[in-house]
N, C-alpha and C. Protein backbone atom coordinates (compact mmCIF):
# COMPACT_ATOMS: atom_id res chain seq x y z
N MET A 1 -13.82 14.75 -1.94
CA MET A 1 -12.54 14.56 -1.30
C MET A 1 -11.55 15.53 -1.95
N GLU A 2 -10.79 16.18 -1.12
CA GLU A 2 -9.80 17.14 -1.58
C GLU A 2 -8.46 16.42 -1.83
N PRO A 3 -7.59 17.02 -2.65
CA PRO A 3 -6.29 16.40 -2.92
C PRO A 3 -5.48 16.09 -1.65
N ASP A 4 -5.51 17.00 -0.67
CA ASP A 4 -4.78 16.75 0.58
C ASP A 4 -5.34 15.54 1.32
N GLU A 5 -6.64 15.35 1.25
CA GLU A 5 -7.26 14.19 1.91
C GLU A 5 -6.84 12.89 1.22
N LEU A 6 -6.75 12.93 -0.10
CA LEU A 6 -6.30 11.75 -0.84
C LEU A 6 -4.83 11.45 -0.53
N ARG A 7 -4.01 12.49 -0.45
CA ARG A 7 -2.60 12.28 -0.09
C ARG A 7 -2.48 11.67 1.31
N ALA A 8 -3.31 12.10 2.23
CA ALA A 8 -3.28 11.54 3.58
C ALA A 8 -3.66 10.06 3.56
N ILE A 9 -4.63 9.69 2.75
CA ILE A 9 -5.03 8.29 2.61
C ILE A 9 -3.87 7.48 2.04
N MET A 10 -3.20 8.02 1.02
CA MET A 10 -2.07 7.31 0.41
C MET A 10 -0.96 7.09 1.43
N GLU A 11 -0.64 8.10 2.22
CA GLU A 11 0.42 7.96 3.22
C GLU A 11 0.02 6.97 4.31
N PHE A 12 -1.24 7.00 4.71
CA PHE A 12 -1.72 6.03 5.70
C PHE A 12 -1.54 4.61 5.17
N LEU A 13 -1.94 4.39 3.93
CA LEU A 13 -1.85 3.05 3.35
C LEU A 13 -0.40 2.63 3.14
N ARG A 14 0.47 3.56 2.79
CA ARG A 14 1.90 3.24 2.69
C ARG A 14 2.43 2.75 4.03
N GLY A 15 1.91 3.32 5.11
CA GLY A 15 2.34 2.92 6.45
C GLY A 15 1.85 1.54 6.84
N ARG A 16 0.96 0.98 6.06
CA ARG A 16 0.44 -0.36 6.33
C ARG A 16 1.24 -1.45 5.60
N VAL A 17 2.25 -1.04 4.85
CA VAL A 17 3.12 -1.97 4.13
C VAL A 17 4.33 -2.26 5.02
N HIS A 18 4.58 -3.53 5.27
CA HIS A 18 5.65 -3.92 6.19
C HIS A 18 6.56 -4.97 5.55
N LEU A 19 7.79 -4.95 6.01
CA LEU A 19 8.81 -5.86 5.53
C LEU A 19 9.02 -6.97 6.55
N GLU A 20 9.13 -8.19 6.05
CA GLU A 20 9.50 -9.33 6.88
C GLU A 20 10.65 -10.04 6.19
N VAL A 21 11.75 -10.17 6.88
CA VAL A 21 12.92 -10.85 6.33
C VAL A 21 13.02 -12.22 6.97
N GLY A 22 13.12 -13.23 6.13
CA GLY A 22 13.20 -14.60 6.64
C GLY A 22 14.61 -14.98 7.03
N ASP A 23 14.78 -16.21 7.39
CA ASP A 23 16.08 -16.74 7.81
C ASP A 23 17.10 -16.70 6.67
N ALA A 24 16.67 -17.03 5.49
CA ALA A 24 17.57 -16.99 4.35
C ALA A 24 17.79 -15.55 3.93
N ALA A 25 18.98 -15.23 3.53
CA ALA A 25 19.32 -13.84 3.18
C ALA A 25 18.45 -13.29 2.05
N ASP A 26 18.01 -14.16 1.15
CA ASP A 26 17.22 -13.70 0.01
C ASP A 26 15.71 -13.85 0.22
N GLN A 27 15.30 -14.18 1.41
CA GLN A 27 13.88 -14.37 1.69
C GLN A 27 13.28 -13.07 2.24
N VAL A 28 12.62 -12.35 1.36
CA VAL A 28 11.98 -11.08 1.73
C VAL A 28 10.49 -11.23 1.47
N THR A 29 9.70 -10.89 2.47
CA THR A 29 8.25 -10.97 2.35
C THR A 29 7.67 -9.60 2.67
N ILE A 30 6.70 -9.20 1.88
CA ILE A 30 5.98 -7.95 2.13
C ILE A 30 4.61 -8.32 2.67
N ARG A 31 4.22 -7.64 3.73
CA ARG A 31 2.90 -7.82 4.34
C ARG A 31 2.16 -6.50 4.24
N PHE A 32 0.89 -6.57 3.87
CA PHE A 32 0.05 -5.38 3.79
C PHE A 32 -1.11 -5.56 4.74
N GLU A 33 -1.19 -4.70 5.73
CA GLU A 33 -2.28 -4.74 6.71
C GLU A 33 -3.47 -3.98 6.14
N VAL A 34 -4.46 -4.71 5.68
CA VAL A 34 -5.64 -4.07 5.09
C VAL A 34 -6.46 -3.42 6.20
N PRO A 35 -6.67 -2.12 6.10
CA PRO A 35 -7.42 -1.42 7.15
C PRO A 35 -8.92 -1.49 6.88
N SER A 36 -9.67 -1.16 7.89
CA SER A 36 -11.11 -1.00 7.73
C SER A 36 -11.40 0.49 7.58
N VAL A 37 -12.58 0.80 7.12
CA VAL A 37 -13.00 2.20 7.02
C VAL A 37 -12.98 2.84 8.40
N GLU A 38 -13.37 2.06 9.41
CA GLU A 38 -13.40 2.57 10.78
C GLU A 38 -11.99 2.95 11.26
N GLU A 39 -11.01 2.10 10.95
CA GLU A 39 -9.63 2.41 11.33
C GLU A 39 -9.15 3.68 10.63
N MET A 40 -9.51 3.82 9.38
CA MET A 40 -9.08 4.99 8.63
C MET A 40 -9.75 6.25 9.16
N ALA A 41 -11.03 6.16 9.49
CA ALA A 41 -11.74 7.31 10.06
C ALA A 41 -11.15 7.67 11.42
N ALA A 42 -10.81 6.66 12.22
CA ALA A 42 -10.22 6.90 13.53
C ALA A 42 -8.86 7.59 13.41
N ALA A 43 -8.20 7.39 12.27
CA ALA A 43 -6.92 8.03 12.01
C ALA A 43 -7.10 9.45 11.48
N GLY A 44 -8.37 9.89 11.37
CA GLY A 44 -8.64 11.25 10.92
C GLY A 44 -8.75 11.40 9.42
N LEU A 45 -8.87 10.29 8.71
CA LEU A 45 -8.96 10.34 7.26
C LEU A 45 -10.40 10.54 6.80
N ASN A 46 -10.56 11.07 5.63
CA ASN A 46 -11.87 11.30 5.03
C ASN A 46 -12.59 9.95 4.89
N ALA A 47 -13.71 9.79 5.56
CA ALA A 47 -14.42 8.50 5.58
C ALA A 47 -14.95 8.13 4.20
N GLU A 48 -15.52 9.08 3.49
CA GLU A 48 -16.07 8.79 2.17
C GLU A 48 -14.95 8.42 1.20
N GLY A 49 -13.85 9.15 1.26
CA GLY A 49 -12.70 8.84 0.40
C GLY A 49 -12.09 7.50 0.74
N SER A 50 -12.00 7.20 2.03
CA SER A 50 -11.47 5.91 2.47
C SER A 50 -12.33 4.77 1.95
N GLN A 51 -13.64 4.91 2.08
CA GLN A 51 -14.57 3.89 1.59
C GLN A 51 -14.42 3.72 0.08
N SER A 52 -14.27 4.83 -0.62
CA SER A 52 -14.12 4.80 -2.08
C SER A 52 -12.87 4.01 -2.48
N VAL A 53 -11.76 4.25 -1.79
CA VAL A 53 -10.52 3.54 -2.11
C VAL A 53 -10.64 2.06 -1.77
N LEU A 54 -11.14 1.75 -0.58
CA LEU A 54 -11.25 0.35 -0.16
C LEU A 54 -12.22 -0.46 -1.02
N ALA A 55 -13.22 0.20 -1.58
CA ALA A 55 -14.23 -0.50 -2.38
C ALA A 55 -13.93 -0.44 -3.88
N ALA A 56 -12.82 0.17 -4.25
CA ALA A 56 -12.48 0.33 -5.67
C ALA A 56 -12.30 -1.03 -6.33
N PRO A 57 -12.67 -1.14 -7.60
CA PRO A 57 -12.54 -2.42 -8.29
C PRO A 57 -11.08 -2.88 -8.44
N TRP A 58 -10.14 -1.99 -8.33
CA TRP A 58 -8.72 -2.33 -8.44
C TRP A 58 -8.06 -2.63 -7.10
N TRP A 59 -8.79 -2.48 -5.99
CA TRP A 59 -8.21 -2.64 -4.65
C TRP A 59 -7.53 -3.99 -4.46
N ASP A 60 -8.22 -5.08 -4.76
CA ASP A 60 -7.65 -6.42 -4.55
C ASP A 60 -6.40 -6.64 -5.40
N GLU A 61 -6.43 -6.13 -6.62
CA GLU A 61 -5.26 -6.23 -7.50
C GLU A 61 -4.08 -5.47 -6.90
N MET A 62 -4.34 -4.28 -6.34
CA MET A 62 -3.29 -3.50 -5.72
C MET A 62 -2.67 -4.26 -4.55
N VAL A 63 -3.51 -4.80 -3.68
CA VAL A 63 -3.02 -5.54 -2.51
C VAL A 63 -2.14 -6.71 -2.98
N THR A 64 -2.59 -7.43 -3.98
CA THR A 64 -1.81 -8.55 -4.52
C THR A 64 -0.47 -8.06 -5.06
N ASP A 65 -0.49 -6.97 -5.82
CA ASP A 65 0.76 -6.44 -6.37
C ASP A 65 1.72 -5.98 -5.29
N VAL A 66 1.19 -5.40 -4.22
CA VAL A 66 2.04 -4.98 -3.10
C VAL A 66 2.73 -6.20 -2.49
N VAL A 67 1.96 -7.22 -2.19
CA VAL A 67 2.48 -8.42 -1.54
C VAL A 67 3.45 -9.18 -2.46
N GLU A 68 3.21 -9.13 -3.75
CA GLU A 68 4.06 -9.85 -4.70
C GLU A 68 5.25 -9.03 -5.19
N THR A 69 5.45 -7.85 -4.65
CA THR A 69 6.56 -6.99 -5.07
C THR A 69 7.91 -7.71 -5.05
N PRO A 70 8.24 -8.49 -4.01
CA PRO A 70 9.56 -9.15 -4.00
C PRO A 70 9.81 -10.02 -5.23
N GLU A 71 8.76 -10.59 -5.79
CA GLU A 71 8.90 -11.45 -6.96
C GLU A 71 9.33 -10.66 -8.19
N MET A 72 9.07 -9.36 -8.19
CA MET A 72 9.39 -8.51 -9.34
C MET A 72 10.74 -7.83 -9.20
N CYS A 73 11.37 -7.98 -8.06
CA CYS A 73 12.63 -7.28 -7.79
C CYS A 73 13.83 -8.10 -8.22
N GLU A 74 14.93 -7.40 -8.35
CA GLU A 74 16.19 -8.04 -8.69
C GLU A 74 16.80 -8.68 -7.44
N PRO A 75 17.54 -9.76 -7.61
CA PRO A 75 18.15 -10.42 -6.46
C PRO A 75 19.07 -9.52 -5.64
N GLU A 76 19.69 -8.56 -6.29
CA GLU A 76 20.60 -7.67 -5.57
C GLU A 76 19.90 -6.51 -4.86
N ASP A 77 18.59 -6.37 -5.03
CA ASP A 77 17.85 -5.33 -4.31
C ASP A 77 17.85 -5.65 -2.82
N THR A 78 18.12 -4.64 -2.02
CA THR A 78 18.11 -4.83 -0.57
C THR A 78 16.68 -4.94 -0.07
N PRO A 79 16.48 -5.53 1.10
CA PRO A 79 15.13 -5.59 1.66
C PRO A 79 14.49 -4.20 1.79
N GLU A 80 15.29 -3.20 2.12
CA GLU A 80 14.75 -1.84 2.25
C GLU A 80 14.28 -1.28 0.90
N GLN A 81 15.02 -1.63 -0.16
CA GLN A 81 14.60 -1.20 -1.50
C GLN A 81 13.28 -1.88 -1.88
N VAL A 82 13.18 -3.16 -1.58
CA VAL A 82 11.96 -3.91 -1.88
C VAL A 82 10.77 -3.29 -1.14
N LEU A 83 10.99 -2.93 0.12
CA LEU A 83 9.92 -2.29 0.89
C LEU A 83 9.51 -0.98 0.24
N GLU A 84 10.44 -0.17 -0.17
CA GLU A 84 10.10 1.11 -0.81
C GLU A 84 9.35 0.88 -2.12
N TYR A 85 9.77 -0.13 -2.89
CA TYR A 85 9.07 -0.45 -4.13
C TYR A 85 7.61 -0.83 -3.83
N ALA A 86 7.42 -1.63 -2.79
CA ALA A 86 6.06 -2.06 -2.42
C ALA A 86 5.21 -0.86 -2.00
N LYS A 87 5.79 0.04 -1.24
CA LYS A 87 5.07 1.25 -0.84
C LYS A 87 4.73 2.11 -2.05
N ASP A 88 5.64 2.13 -3.03
CA ASP A 88 5.40 2.90 -4.25
C ASP A 88 4.24 2.32 -5.06
N VAL A 89 4.03 1.01 -4.96
CA VAL A 89 2.90 0.38 -5.66
C VAL A 89 1.59 1.02 -5.17
N VAL A 90 1.48 1.23 -3.87
CA VAL A 90 0.28 1.86 -3.31
C VAL A 90 0.08 3.23 -3.93
N LEU A 91 1.14 4.02 -3.94
CA LEU A 91 1.03 5.37 -4.48
C LEU A 91 0.63 5.37 -5.95
N GLU A 92 1.27 4.52 -6.73
CA GLU A 92 0.99 4.49 -8.16
C GLU A 92 -0.45 4.06 -8.46
N TYR A 93 -0.92 3.06 -7.76
CA TYR A 93 -2.30 2.62 -7.99
C TYR A 93 -3.27 3.76 -7.69
N ILE A 94 -3.10 4.38 -6.56
CA ILE A 94 -4.06 5.41 -6.16
C ILE A 94 -3.94 6.64 -7.04
N ARG A 95 -2.73 7.06 -7.35
CA ARG A 95 -2.56 8.23 -8.21
C ARG A 95 -3.20 8.04 -9.56
N LYS A 96 -3.06 6.84 -10.13
CA LYS A 96 -3.56 6.58 -11.47
C LYS A 96 -5.05 6.27 -11.52
N ARG A 97 -5.61 5.81 -10.41
CA ARG A 97 -6.97 5.28 -10.48
C ARG A 97 -8.01 6.00 -9.61
N ALA A 98 -7.59 6.63 -8.54
CA ALA A 98 -8.56 7.27 -7.65
C ALA A 98 -9.05 8.58 -8.26
N THR A 99 -10.30 8.88 -8.00
CA THR A 99 -10.88 10.13 -8.50
C THR A 99 -11.26 11.01 -7.31
N LEU A 100 -11.10 12.29 -7.54
CA LEU A 100 -11.44 13.26 -6.47
C LEU A 100 -12.88 13.70 -6.61
């Protein structure tokens, strides 16, 4: 897998992180749509690299950290900031742990 292919996978996965704001002003929920290898391949991503990321031993921990991002944020953080923090979790996990 080439660096550009890994960057494409990271951006695809960032796009799977979504914000849900509840009725209460401070109720922010992050949802992560876990893709399949087939979905990633259909999006034009490197299939072997996609499989490698999805099967990584840290994958489940990353998904949990993404979803739990609001718990780590400050009360004054806006929902949009929380969403960006959650998307950054994806980038940091992959940058630090994925191998080319």
